N, C-alpha and C. Protein backbone atom coordinates (compact mmCIF):
# COMPACT_ATOMS: atom_id res chain seq x y z
N ALA A 1 -29.77 38.80 118.04
CA ALA A 1 -29.58 40.23 117.99
C ALA A 1 -28.54 40.64 116.95
N PRO A 2 -27.45 39.88 116.74
CA PRO A 2 -26.49 40.29 115.71
C PRO A 2 -27.11 40.26 114.31
N GLY A 3 -28.02 39.32 114.07
CA GLY A 3 -28.69 39.25 112.77
C GLY A 3 -29.56 40.46 112.53
N ALA A 4 -30.25 40.92 113.57
CA ALA A 4 -31.10 42.10 113.44
C ALA A 4 -30.25 43.34 113.17
N MET A 5 -29.11 43.41 113.83
CA MET A 5 -28.21 44.55 113.61
C MET A 5 -27.69 44.55 112.18
N ALA A 6 -27.33 43.39 111.68
CA ALA A 6 -26.83 43.28 110.31
C ALA A 6 -27.92 43.65 109.31
N LEU A 7 -29.14 43.22 109.56
CA LEU A 7 -30.25 43.54 108.67
C LEU A 7 -30.54 45.04 108.66
N GLY A 8 -30.51 45.65 109.83
CA GLY A 8 -30.72 47.09 109.90
C GLY A 8 -29.62 47.86 109.19
N LEU A 9 -28.38 47.41 109.35
CA LEU A 9 -27.25 48.06 108.69
C LEU A 9 -27.33 47.90 107.18
N LEU A 10 -27.72 46.73 106.72
CA LEU A 10 -27.88 46.50 105.29
C LEU A 10 -28.96 47.41 104.71
N GLY A 11 -30.07 47.54 105.42
CA GLY A 11 -31.14 48.44 104.98
C GLY A 11 -30.68 49.88 104.93
N LEU A 12 -29.87 50.28 105.90
CA LEU A 12 -29.35 51.64 105.93
C LEU A 12 -28.43 51.90 104.74
N VAL A 13 -27.53 50.97 104.47
CA VAL A 13 -26.61 51.13 103.34
C VAL A 13 -27.39 51.20 102.03
N GLU A 14 -28.40 50.36 101.90
CA GLU A 14 -29.21 50.38 100.68
C GLU A 14 -29.94 51.71 100.52
N ALA A 15 -30.55 52.19 101.59
CA ALA A 15 -31.30 53.45 101.51
C ALA A 15 -30.39 54.62 101.18
N VAL A 16 -29.21 54.67 101.78
CA VAL A 16 -28.29 55.77 101.51
C VAL A 16 -27.76 55.69 100.07
N SER A 17 -27.49 54.49 99.59
CA SER A 17 -27.00 54.38 98.21
C SER A 17 -28.08 54.76 97.21
N ILE A 18 -29.33 54.43 97.49
CA ILE A 18 -30.43 54.84 96.62
C ILE A 18 -30.54 56.36 96.62
N ALA A 19 -30.50 56.96 97.80
CA ALA A 19 -30.61 58.41 97.90
C ALA A 19 -29.46 59.10 97.18
N ARG A 20 -28.26 58.57 97.32
CA ARG A 20 -27.10 59.16 96.63
C ARG A 20 -27.22 59.03 95.12
N SER A 21 -27.69 57.90 94.67
CA SER A 21 -27.83 57.67 93.23
C SER A 21 -28.79 58.68 92.61
N VAL A 22 -29.93 58.86 93.23
CA VAL A 22 -30.93 59.80 92.69
C VAL A 22 -30.46 61.24 92.89
N ALA A 23 -29.84 61.53 94.02
CA ALA A 23 -29.36 62.89 94.28
C ALA A 23 -28.29 63.29 93.26
N THR A 24 -27.43 62.36 92.90
CA THR A 24 -26.39 62.66 91.91
C THR A 24 -27.01 62.97 90.56
N ARG A 25 -28.00 62.21 90.17
CA ARG A 25 -28.65 62.42 88.88
C ARG A 25 -29.48 63.70 88.85
N SER A 26 -30.08 64.05 89.97
CA SER A 26 -30.98 65.20 89.99
C SER A 26 -30.31 66.49 90.46
N GLY A 27 -29.05 66.39 90.86
CA GLY A 27 -28.33 67.58 91.30
C GLY A 27 -28.69 68.02 92.71
N GLN A 28 -29.27 67.15 93.49
CA GLN A 28 -29.63 67.49 94.86
C GLN A 28 -28.51 67.11 95.81
N ARG A 29 -28.55 67.68 97.01
CA ARG A 29 -27.61 67.30 98.05
C ARG A 29 -28.36 66.48 99.09
N ILE A 30 -27.73 65.43 99.57
CA ILE A 30 -28.35 64.66 100.64
C ILE A 30 -27.45 64.71 101.86
N ASP A 31 -28.06 64.55 102.99
CA ASP A 31 -27.33 64.52 104.25
C ASP A 31 -27.35 63.08 104.75
N GLY A 32 -26.20 62.42 104.70
CA GLY A 32 -26.11 61.03 105.14
C GLY A 32 -26.53 60.85 106.58
N ASN A 33 -26.22 61.83 107.42
CA ASN A 33 -26.62 61.74 108.83
C ASN A 33 -28.14 61.75 108.97
N GLN A 34 -28.80 62.59 108.17
CA GLN A 34 -30.26 62.65 108.22
C GLN A 34 -30.87 61.33 107.76
N GLU A 35 -30.29 60.74 106.72
CA GLU A 35 -30.75 59.42 106.26
C GLU A 35 -30.59 58.38 107.36
N PHE A 36 -29.44 58.42 108.02
CA PHE A 36 -29.16 57.47 109.10
C PHE A 36 -30.18 57.63 110.23
N ILE A 37 -30.46 58.86 110.62
CA ILE A 37 -31.42 59.12 111.70
C ILE A 37 -32.81 58.65 111.30
N GLY A 38 -33.23 58.96 110.08
CA GLY A 38 -34.56 58.57 109.62
C GLY A 38 -34.73 57.06 109.57
N GLN A 39 -33.75 56.36 108.99
CA GLN A 39 -33.83 54.90 108.91
C GLN A 39 -33.80 54.27 110.31
N SER A 40 -32.92 54.78 111.15
CA SER A 40 -32.82 54.22 112.51
C SER A 40 -34.11 54.42 113.29
N PHE A 41 -34.66 55.63 113.21
CA PHE A 41 -35.90 55.93 113.92
C PHE A 41 -37.03 55.05 113.41
N SER A 42 -37.10 54.87 112.11
CA SER A 42 -38.13 54.03 111.52
C SER A 42 -38.03 52.59 112.01
N ASN A 43 -36.82 52.06 112.04
CA ASN A 43 -36.63 50.68 112.50
C ASN A 43 -36.87 50.53 114.00
N ILE A 44 -36.50 51.53 114.78
CA ILE A 44 -36.73 51.45 116.23
C ILE A 44 -38.22 51.48 116.53
N ILE A 45 -38.95 52.41 115.92
CA ILE A 45 -40.39 52.49 116.14
C ILE A 45 -41.07 51.23 115.61
N GLY A 46 -40.63 50.76 114.45
CA GLY A 46 -41.22 49.56 113.87
C GLY A 46 -41.01 48.32 114.72
N SER A 47 -39.93 48.29 115.48
CA SER A 47 -39.66 47.11 116.31
C SER A 47 -40.72 46.94 117.41
N PHE A 48 -41.35 48.02 117.82
CA PHE A 48 -42.39 47.92 118.84
C PHE A 48 -43.70 47.38 118.28
N THR A 49 -43.84 47.38 116.97
CA THR A 49 -45.07 46.88 116.35
C THR A 49 -44.82 45.62 115.53
N SER A 50 -43.66 45.00 115.72
CA SER A 50 -43.29 43.76 115.02
C SER A 50 -43.28 43.92 113.50
N SER A 51 -42.86 45.09 113.03
CA SER A 51 -42.82 45.31 111.59
C SER A 51 -41.49 44.79 111.02
N TYR A 52 -41.44 44.70 109.71
CA TYR A 52 -40.22 44.31 109.04
C TYR A 52 -39.23 45.47 109.07
N ALA A 53 -37.96 45.15 108.87
CA ALA A 53 -36.95 46.21 108.78
C ALA A 53 -37.23 47.06 107.55
N THR A 54 -37.04 48.36 107.68
CA THR A 54 -37.35 49.27 106.58
C THR A 54 -36.12 49.55 105.73
N SER A 55 -36.38 49.87 104.50
CA SER A 55 -35.34 50.29 103.57
C SER A 55 -36.01 50.84 102.33
N GLY A 56 -35.21 51.17 101.34
CA GLY A 56 -35.75 51.67 100.09
C GLY A 56 -35.73 50.58 99.04
N SER A 57 -36.11 50.94 97.84
CA SER A 57 -36.12 49.99 96.73
C SER A 57 -35.51 50.68 95.52
N PHE A 58 -34.42 50.11 95.01
CA PHE A 58 -33.78 50.69 93.83
C PHE A 58 -34.75 50.79 92.66
N THR A 59 -35.48 49.74 92.41
CA THR A 59 -36.33 49.73 91.23
C THR A 59 -37.51 50.69 91.36
N ARG A 60 -38.16 50.71 92.51
CA ARG A 60 -39.28 51.65 92.69
C ARG A 60 -38.81 53.09 92.61
N THR A 61 -37.68 53.37 93.24
CA THR A 61 -37.13 54.72 93.20
C THR A 61 -36.76 55.10 91.78
N GLY A 62 -36.17 54.16 91.05
CA GLY A 62 -35.80 54.43 89.66
C GLY A 62 -37.00 54.71 88.78
N VAL A 63 -38.04 53.94 88.94
CA VAL A 63 -39.26 54.15 88.16
C VAL A 63 -39.87 55.51 88.50
N ASN A 64 -39.94 55.84 89.78
CA ASN A 64 -40.49 57.13 90.19
C ASN A 64 -39.65 58.28 89.64
N TYR A 65 -38.34 58.14 89.70
CA TYR A 65 -37.47 59.21 89.21
C TYR A 65 -37.62 59.38 87.70
N GLU A 66 -37.61 58.27 86.97
CA GLU A 66 -37.75 58.33 85.51
C GLU A 66 -39.11 58.88 85.10
N ALA A 67 -40.13 58.66 85.93
CA ALA A 67 -41.47 59.16 85.62
C ALA A 67 -41.61 60.64 85.97
N GLY A 68 -40.61 61.20 86.64
CA GLY A 68 -40.65 62.62 86.98
C GLY A 68 -41.28 62.92 88.32
N ALA A 69 -41.36 61.93 89.19
CA ALA A 69 -41.96 62.14 90.51
C ALA A 69 -41.10 63.11 91.32
N THR A 70 -41.75 64.06 91.97
CA THR A 70 -41.02 65.04 92.77
C THR A 70 -41.50 65.08 94.21
N SER A 71 -42.43 64.22 94.57
CA SER A 71 -43.01 64.25 95.90
C SER A 71 -43.12 62.83 96.45
N PRO A 72 -43.05 62.68 97.77
CA PRO A 72 -43.27 61.35 98.35
C PRO A 72 -44.68 60.81 98.09
N LEU A 73 -45.60 61.70 97.70
CA LEU A 73 -46.94 61.24 97.37
C LEU A 73 -46.94 60.30 96.16
N ALA A 74 -45.90 60.37 95.34
CA ALA A 74 -45.81 59.49 94.18
C ALA A 74 -45.82 58.03 94.62
N ALA A 75 -45.16 57.72 95.73
CA ALA A 75 -45.15 56.34 96.24
C ALA A 75 -46.54 55.93 96.70
N LEU A 76 -47.27 56.86 97.30
CA LEU A 76 -48.63 56.56 97.75
C LEU A 76 -49.54 56.27 96.56
N PHE A 77 -49.46 57.12 95.54
CA PHE A 77 -50.28 56.89 94.35
C PHE A 77 -49.88 55.61 93.63
N ALA A 78 -48.59 55.33 93.59
CA ALA A 78 -48.13 54.08 92.97
C ALA A 78 -48.69 52.87 93.72
N ALA A 79 -48.73 52.94 95.05
CA ALA A 79 -49.28 51.84 95.84
C ALA A 79 -50.77 51.67 95.58
N ILE A 80 -51.48 52.78 95.48
CA ILE A 80 -52.93 52.70 95.21
C ILE A 80 -53.18 52.11 93.83
N PHE A 81 -52.44 52.59 92.83
CA PHE A 81 -52.61 52.05 91.48
C PHE A 81 -52.23 50.58 91.41
N LEU A 82 -51.18 50.21 92.11
CA LEU A 82 -50.77 48.80 92.13
C LEU A 82 -51.85 47.93 92.76
N ALA A 83 -52.44 48.40 93.86
CA ALA A 83 -53.51 47.64 94.51
C ALA A 83 -54.70 47.47 93.56
N LEU A 84 -55.06 48.53 92.86
CA LEU A 84 -56.17 48.43 91.90
C LEU A 84 -55.85 47.46 90.77
N ILE A 85 -54.63 47.54 90.26
CA ILE A 85 -54.23 46.64 89.18
C ILE A 85 -54.25 45.19 89.65
N VAL A 86 -53.73 44.96 90.85
CA VAL A 86 -53.71 43.59 91.38
C VAL A 86 -55.13 43.07 91.57
N LEU A 87 -56.01 43.91 92.09
CA LEU A 87 -57.39 43.48 92.31
C LEU A 87 -58.15 43.24 91.01
N LEU A 88 -57.93 44.10 90.03
CA LEU A 88 -58.72 44.02 88.81
C LEU A 88 -58.11 43.14 87.72
N LEU A 89 -56.79 43.07 87.68
CA LEU A 89 -56.13 42.37 86.58
C LEU A 89 -55.32 41.15 87.03
N ALA A 90 -55.53 40.69 88.24
CA ALA A 90 -54.75 39.56 88.75
C ALA A 90 -54.82 38.32 87.86
N PRO A 91 -55.99 37.97 87.33
CA PRO A 91 -56.01 36.77 86.47
C PRO A 91 -55.12 36.90 85.23
N LEU A 92 -55.00 38.11 84.70
CA LEU A 92 -54.16 38.30 83.52
C LEU A 92 -52.67 38.25 83.86
N ALA A 93 -52.32 38.57 85.09
CA ALA A 93 -50.92 38.56 85.51
C ALA A 93 -50.33 37.15 85.47
N ALA A 94 -51.17 36.16 85.51
CA ALA A 94 -50.69 34.78 85.45
C ALA A 94 -50.02 34.48 84.12
N PHE A 95 -50.32 35.26 83.10
CA PHE A 95 -49.74 35.03 81.77
C PHE A 95 -48.41 35.74 81.57
N ILE A 96 -48.02 36.59 82.51
CA ILE A 96 -46.73 37.29 82.41
C ILE A 96 -45.66 36.35 82.95
N THR A 97 -44.65 36.12 82.15
CA THR A 97 -43.60 35.19 82.58
C THR A 97 -42.66 35.87 83.57
N LEU A 98 -42.11 35.08 84.46
CA LEU A 98 -41.17 35.61 85.45
C LEU A 98 -39.93 36.22 84.81
N PRO A 99 -39.36 35.61 83.75
CA PRO A 99 -38.20 36.25 83.13
C PRO A 99 -38.50 37.64 82.57
N SER A 100 -39.70 37.86 82.06
CA SER A 100 -40.02 39.19 81.54
C SER A 100 -40.15 40.20 82.67
N MET A 101 -40.72 39.80 83.80
CA MET A 101 -40.79 40.71 84.95
C MET A 101 -39.39 41.00 85.49
N ALA A 102 -38.55 39.97 85.54
CA ALA A 102 -37.18 40.15 86.01
C ALA A 102 -36.41 41.08 85.08
N ALA A 103 -36.64 40.96 83.79
CA ALA A 103 -35.96 41.83 82.83
C ALA A 103 -36.34 43.29 83.03
N ILE A 104 -37.59 43.55 83.31
CA ILE A 104 -38.03 44.93 83.56
C ILE A 104 -37.33 45.49 84.79
N LEU A 105 -37.26 44.69 85.85
CA LEU A 105 -36.59 45.14 87.07
C LEU A 105 -35.10 45.38 86.83
N LEU A 106 -34.46 44.51 86.06
CA LEU A 106 -33.04 44.68 85.76
C LEU A 106 -32.78 45.93 84.93
N ILE A 107 -33.65 46.21 83.97
CA ILE A 107 -33.47 47.41 83.14
C ILE A 107 -33.59 48.67 83.99
N VAL A 108 -34.56 48.69 84.88
CA VAL A 108 -34.72 49.86 85.75
C VAL A 108 -33.50 50.01 86.65
N ALA A 109 -33.03 48.92 87.24
CA ALA A 109 -31.86 48.99 88.11
C ALA A 109 -30.61 49.38 87.32
N TRP A 110 -30.47 48.87 86.11
CA TRP A 110 -29.32 49.19 85.25
C TRP A 110 -29.26 50.69 84.96
N ASN A 111 -30.42 51.29 84.74
CA ASN A 111 -30.46 52.72 84.45
C ASN A 111 -30.11 53.59 85.65
N LEU A 112 -30.13 53.02 86.84
CA LEU A 112 -29.76 53.78 88.04
C LEU A 112 -28.25 53.83 88.26
N ILE A 113 -27.51 52.99 87.57
CA ILE A 113 -26.05 52.95 87.75
C ILE A 113 -25.44 54.19 87.11
N ASP A 114 -24.59 54.85 87.84
CA ASP A 114 -23.94 56.08 87.37
C ASP A 114 -22.62 55.71 86.71
N TRP A 115 -22.69 55.36 85.43
CA TRP A 115 -21.51 54.88 84.72
C TRP A 115 -20.43 55.96 84.60
N HIS A 116 -20.84 57.20 84.47
CA HIS A 116 -19.87 58.29 84.32
C HIS A 116 -18.93 58.36 85.53
N HIS A 117 -19.50 58.32 86.73
CA HIS A 117 -18.67 58.40 87.92
C HIS A 117 -17.88 57.11 88.16
N ILE A 118 -18.41 56.00 87.74
CA ILE A 118 -17.65 54.74 87.86
C ILE A 118 -16.40 54.81 87.00
N LYS A 119 -16.53 55.35 85.79
CA LYS A 119 -15.36 55.50 84.91
C LYS A 119 -14.33 56.44 85.53
N ILE A 120 -14.80 57.52 86.13
CA ILE A 120 -13.88 58.47 86.77
C ILE A 120 -13.15 57.81 87.93
N ILE A 121 -13.86 57.07 88.74
CA ILE A 121 -13.25 56.40 89.90
C ILE A 121 -12.29 55.32 89.43
N TYR A 122 -12.66 54.61 88.37
CA TYR A 122 -11.82 53.52 87.88
C TYR A 122 -10.49 54.02 87.36
N ARG A 123 -10.48 55.21 86.77
CA ARG A 123 -9.24 55.78 86.23
C ARG A 123 -8.41 56.24 87.37
């Protein structure tokens, strides 16, 4: 049980930090309490169906934000397009090297870092 609690807490911290990062860049306000309630409710309901712990993804959120996504439907369309790409182009994916995929993920994550506020806090 302590491991499950730690995993849920880690997912919560990740989701709130993703939301804050995007909210800061887009000028939106987020309610940390609402994020906490949503993540907790999702994990509690998911526990009855043996699902994995829920959280967000820095890289997916960053790609959606950079692409100009303004609706949660963007994640749905991204999932559909990804499924189609995997089904149709899977043999070609074998030629993509892991370091190149890792580099793409790192670049997306790097662009989510708010360097301006880090400099302000550091001073």
